[in-house]
Amino acid sequence: MQRSEPEGANAACVAVRNLVFEFIDRELEPEQAAGVETHLAACSPCAGFYAFERTFLGVLRRRVAIEQAPAELRERLRIALADRKRSDPPS
Protein backbone atom coordinates (compact mmCIF):
# COMPACT_ATOMS: atom_id res chain seq x y z
CA MET A 1 0.00 0.00 0.00
CA GLN A 2 1.37 3.42 -0.96
CA ARG A 3 1.13 5.89 1.88
CA SER A 4 1.09 9.60 1.24
CA GLU A 5 3.71 11.62 3.01
CA PRO A 6 3.35 15.20 4.18
CA GLU A 7 5.03 17.80 2.05
CA GLY A 8 8.58 18.29 3.29
CA ALA A 9 8.49 15.13 5.43
CA ASN A 10 11.86 14.08 6.73
CA ALA A 11 13.18 10.55 6.87
CA ALA A 12 12.03 10.10 10.49
CA CYS A 13 8.46 11.04 9.57
CA VAL A 14 8.46 8.66 6.62
CA ALA A 15 9.81 5.85 8.79
CA VAL A 16 7.22 6.43 11.53
CA ARG A 17 4.33 6.63 9.08
CA ASN A 18 5.48 3.35 7.54
CA LEU A 19 5.32 1.72 11.00
CA VAL A 20 2.17 3.34 12.36
CA PHE A 21 -0.17 0.42 11.57
CA GLU A 22 2.15 -2.10 13.22
CA PHE A 23 2.45 0.32 16.15
CA ILE A 24 -1.34 0.54 16.47
CA ASP A 25 -1.59 -3.26 16.43
CA ARG A 26 1.29 -3.61 18.94
CA GLU A 27 3.33 -5.66 16.49
CA LEU A 28 6.61 -3.75 16.84
CA GLU A 29 9.63 -4.77 18.87
CA PRO A 30 9.87 -2.73 22.10
CA GLU A 31 12.77 -0.64 20.78
CA GLN A 32 10.89 0.26 17.58
CA ALA A 33 7.71 1.05 19.52
CA ALA A 34 9.68 3.34 21.84
CA GLY A 35 11.15 5.16 18.85
CA VAL A 36 7.70 5.65 17.34
CA GLU A 37 6.33 6.93 20.67
CA THR A 38 9.21 9.38 21.01
CA HIS A 39 8.70 10.69 17.49
CA LEU A 40 4.93 11.03 17.94
CA ALA A 41 5.44 13.03 21.13
CA ALA A 42 7.66 15.52 19.27
CA CYS A 43 6.02 15.69 15.83
CA SER A 44 2.48 17.06 15.68
CA PRO A 45 1.87 16.16 11.99
CA CYS A 46 2.78 12.52 12.64
CA ALA A 47 0.83 12.53 15.91
CA GLY A 48 -2.22 13.74 13.98
CA PHE A 49 -1.71 11.04 11.35
CA TYR A 50 -1.45 8.41 14.09
CA ALA A 51 -4.54 9.70 15.93
CA PHE A 52 -6.60 9.67 12.74
CA GLU A 53 -5.54 6.15 11.74
CA ARG A 54 -6.02 4.78 15.26
CA THR A 55 -9.51 6.28 15.46
CA PHE A 56 -10.45 5.14 11.95
CA LEU A 57 -9.30 1.57 12.59
CA GLY A 58 -11.13 1.53 15.93
CA VAL A 59 -14.39 2.58 14.29
CA LEU A 60 -13.86 0.09 11.48
CA ARG A 61 -13.25 -2.78 13.91
CA ARG A 62 -16.42 -1.93 15.84
CA ARG A 63 -18.57 -1.62 12.71
CA VAL A 64 -17.37 -4.56 10.64
CA ALA A 65 -17.94 -8.10 11.80
CA ILE A 66 -14.71 -10.00 11.32
CA GLU A 67 -15.14 -13.72 11.20
CA GLN A 68 -12.22 -15.79 12.32
CA ALA A 69 -11.11 -18.69 10.14
CA PRO A 70 -11.72 -22.14 11.63
CA ALA A 71 -8.89 -23.41 13.85
CA GLU A 72 -8.10 -26.25 11.42
CA LEU A 73 -7.63 -23.84 8.51
CA ARG A 74 -5.48 -21.48 10.59
CA GLU A 75 -3.25 -24.39 11.63
CA ARG A 76 -2.90 -25.64 8.02
CA LEU A 77 -1.93 -22.13 6.90
CA ARG A 78 0.56 -21.75 9.74
CA ILE A 79 2.22 -25.06 8.81
CA ALA A 80 2.24 -24.25 5.08
CA LEU A 81 3.83 -20.85 5.69
CA ALA A 82 6.43 -22.33 8.04
CA ASP A 83 7.26 -25.03 5.45
CA ARG A 84 7.53 -22.42 2.72
CA LYS A 85 9.80 -20.26 4.84
CA ARG A 86 12.10 -23.23 5.51
CA SER A 87 12.24 -24.20 1.81
CA ASP A 88 12.79 -20.71 0.39
CA PRO A 89 16.45 -19.91 -0.23
CA PRO A 90 17.79 -16.95 1.77
CA SER A 91 17.89 -13.63 -0.06
C-alpha atoms as a PDB file:
ATOM      1  CA  MET A   1       0.000   0.000   0.000  1.00  0.00           C
ATOM      2  CA  GLN A   2       1.366   3.419  -0.963  1.00  0.00           C
ATOM      3  CA  ARG A   3       1.135   5.887   1.876  1.00  0.00           C
ATOM      4  CA  SER A   4       1.086   9.596   1.239  1.00  0.00           C
ATOM      5  CA  GLU A   5       3.714  11.623   3.006  1.00  0.00           C
ATOM      6  CA  PRO A   6       3.351  15.201   4.179  1.00  0.00           C
ATOM      7  CA  GLU A   7       5.025  17.797   2.049  1.00  0.00           C
ATOM      8  CA  GLY A   8       8.576  18.289   3.295  1.00  0.00           C
ATOM      9  CA  ALA A   9       8.490  15.134   5.427  1.00  0.00           C
ATOM     10  CA  ASN A  10      11.862  14.084   6.727  1.00  0.00           C
ATOM     11  CA  ALA A  11      13.184  10.546   6.871  1.00  0.00           C
ATOM     12  CA  ALA A  12      12.030  10.099  10.488  1.00  0.00           C
ATOM     13  CA  CYS A  13       8.458  11.039   9.572  1.00  0.00           C
ATOM     14  CA  VAL A  14       8.459   8.663   6.615  1.00  0.00           C
ATOM     15  CA  ALA A  15       9.811   5.850   8.793  1.00  0.00           C
ATOM     16  CA  VAL A  16       7.222   6.434  11.531  1.00  0.00           C
ATOM     17  CA  ARG A  17       4.327   6.626   9.081  1.00  0.00           C
ATOM     18  CA  ASN A  18       5.477   3.346   7.540  1.00  0.00           C
ATOM     19  CA  LEU A  19       5.318   1.722  11.004  1.00  0.00           C
ATOM     20  CA  VAL A  20       2.165   3.339  12.358  1.00  0.00           C
ATOM     21  CA  PHE A  21      -0.173   0.424  11.574  1.00  0.00           C
ATOM     22  CA  GLU A  22       2.146  -2.096  13.218  1.00  0.00           C
ATOM     23  CA  PHE A  23       2.447   0.319  16.154  1.00  0.00           C
ATOM     24  CA  ILE A  24      -1.345   0.536  16.474  1.00  0.00           C
ATOM     25  CA  ASP A  25      -1.593  -3.264  16.427  1.00  0.00           C
ATOM     26  CA  ARG A  26       1.289  -3.606  18.941  1.00  0.00           C
ATOM     27  CA  GLU A  27       3.328  -5.664  16.486  1.00  0.00           C
ATOM     28  CA  LEU A  28       6.613  -3.748  16.841  1.00  0.00           C
ATOM     29  CA  GLU A  29       9.625  -4.768  18.866  1.00  0.00           C
ATOM     30  CA  PRO A  30       9.865  -2.732  22.095  1.00  0.00           C
ATOM     31  CA  GLU A  31      12.768  -0.637  20.775  1.00  0.00           C
ATOM     32  CA  GLN A  32      10.888   0.256  17.581  1.00  0.00           C
ATOM     33  CA  ALA A  33       7.715   1.050  19.516  1.00  0.00           C
ATOM     34  CA  ALA A  34       9.678   3.340  21.844  1.00  0.00           C
ATOM     35  CA  GLY A  35      11.148   5.156  18.851  1.00  0.00           C
ATOM     36  CA  VAL A  36       7.705   5.655  17.337  1.00  0.00           C
ATOM     37  CA  GLU A  37       6.335   6.934  20.669  1.00  0.00           C
ATOM     38  CA  THR A  38       9.214   9.381  21.009  1.00  0.00           C
ATOM     39  CA  HIS A  39       8.698  10.689  17.492  1.00  0.00           C
ATOM     40  CA  LEU A  40       4.927  11.032  17.935  1.00  0.00           C
ATOM     41  CA  ALA A  41       5.443  13.030  21.126  1.00  0.00           C
ATOM     42  CA  ALA A  42       7.660  15.515  19.272  1.00  0.00           C
ATOM     43  CA  CYS A  43       6.016  15.695  15.827  1.00  0.00           C
ATOM     44  CA  SER A  44       2.477  17.056  15.683  1.00  0.00           C
ATOM     45  CA  PRO A  45       1.866  16.157  11.991  1.00  0.00           C
ATOM     46  CA  CYS A  46       2.783  12.523  12.639  1.00  0.00           C
ATOM     47  CA  ALA A  47       0.827  12.527  15.910  1.00  0.00           C
ATOM     48  CA  GLY A  48      -2.218  13.740  13.977  1.00  0.00           C
ATOM     49  CA  PHE A  49      -1.712  11.040  11.348  1.00  0.00           C
ATOM     50  CA  TYR A  50      -1.449   8.408  14.094  1.00  0.00           C
ATOM     51  CA  ALA A  51      -4.540   9.697  15.928  1.00  0.00           C
ATOM     52  CA  PHE A  52      -6.605   9.668  12.743  1.00  0.00           C
ATOM     53  CA  GLU A  53      -5.537   6.149  11.741  1.00  0.00           C
ATOM     54  CA  ARG A  54      -6.022   4.776  15.263  1.00  0.00           C
ATOM     55  CA  THR A  55      -9.511   6.277  15.462  1.00  0.00           C
ATOM     56  CA  PHE A  56     -10.453   5.142  11.950  1.00  0.00           C
ATOM     57  CA  LEU A  57      -9.305   1.569  12.589  1.00  0.00           C
ATOM     58  CA  GLY A  58     -11.128   1.527  15.933  1.00  0.00           C
ATOM     59  CA  VAL A  59     -14.392   2.580  14.294  1.00  0.00           C
ATOM     60  CA  LEU A  60     -13.862   0.095  11.479  1.00  0.00           C
ATOM     61  CA  ARG A  61     -13.252  -2.776  13.909  1.00  0.00           C
ATOM     62  CA  ARG A  62     -16.419  -1.928  15.838  1.00  0.00           C
ATOM     63  CA  ARG A  63     -18.568  -1.622  12.708  1.00  0.00           C
ATOM     64  CA  VAL A  64     -17.367  -4.563  10.636  1.00  0.00           C
ATOM     65  CA  ALA A  65     -17.938  -8.097  11.797  1.00  0.00           C
ATOM     66  CA  ILE A  66     -14.711  -9.996  11.321  1.00  0.00           C
ATOM     67  CA  GLU A  67     -15.139 -13.725  11.200  1.00  0.00           C
ATOM     68  CA  GLN A  68     -12.215 -15.794  12.319  1.00  0.00           C
ATOM     69  CA  ALA A  69     -11.106 -18.689  10.142  1.00  0.00           C
ATOM     70  CA  PRO A  70     -11.723 -22.135  11.631  1.00  0.00           C
ATOM     71  CA  ALA A  71      -8.890 -23.413  13.847  1.00  0.00           C
ATOM     72  CA  GLU A  72      -8.105 -26.255  11.419  1.00  0.00           C
ATOM     73  CA  LEU A  73      -7.630 -23.844   8.511  1.00  0.00           C
ATOM     74  CA  ARG A  74      -5.477 -21.483  10.592  1.00  0.00           C
ATOM     75  CA  GLU A  75      -3.250 -24.394  11.628  1.00  0.00           C
ATOM     76  CA  ARG A  76      -2.899 -25.637   8.021  1.00  0.00           C
ATOM     77  CA  LEU A  77      -1.935 -22.134   6.899  1.00  0.00           C
ATOM     78  CA  ARG A  78       0.556 -21.746   9.735  1.00  0.00           C
ATOM     79  CA  ILE A  79       2.220 -25.057   8.812  1.00  0.00           C
ATOM     80  CA  ALA A  80       2.237 -24.250   5.078  1.00  0.00           C
ATOM     81  CA  LEU A  81       3.826 -20.852   5.688  1.00  0.00           C
ATOM     82  CA  ALA A  82       6.429 -22.333   8.038  1.00  0.00           C
ATOM     83  CA  ASP A  83       7.261 -25.028   5.451  1.00  0.00           C
ATOM     84  CA  ARG A  84       7.529 -22.421   2.718  1.00  0.00           C
ATOM     85  CA  LYS A  85       9.803 -20.256   4.841  1.00  0.00           C
ATOM     86  CA  ARG A  86      12.101 -23.230   5.508  1.00  0.00           C
ATOM     87  CA  SER A  87      12.238 -24.203   1.808  1.00  0.00           C
ATOM     88  CA  ASP A  88      12.785 -20.706   0.392  1.00  0.00           C
ATOM     89  CA  PRO A  89      16.449 -19.907  -0.228  1.00  0.00           C
ATOM     90  CA  PRO A  90      17.785 -16.952   1.774  1.00  0.00           C
ATOM     91  CA  SER A  91      17.893 -13.631  -0.060  1.00  0.00           C
END
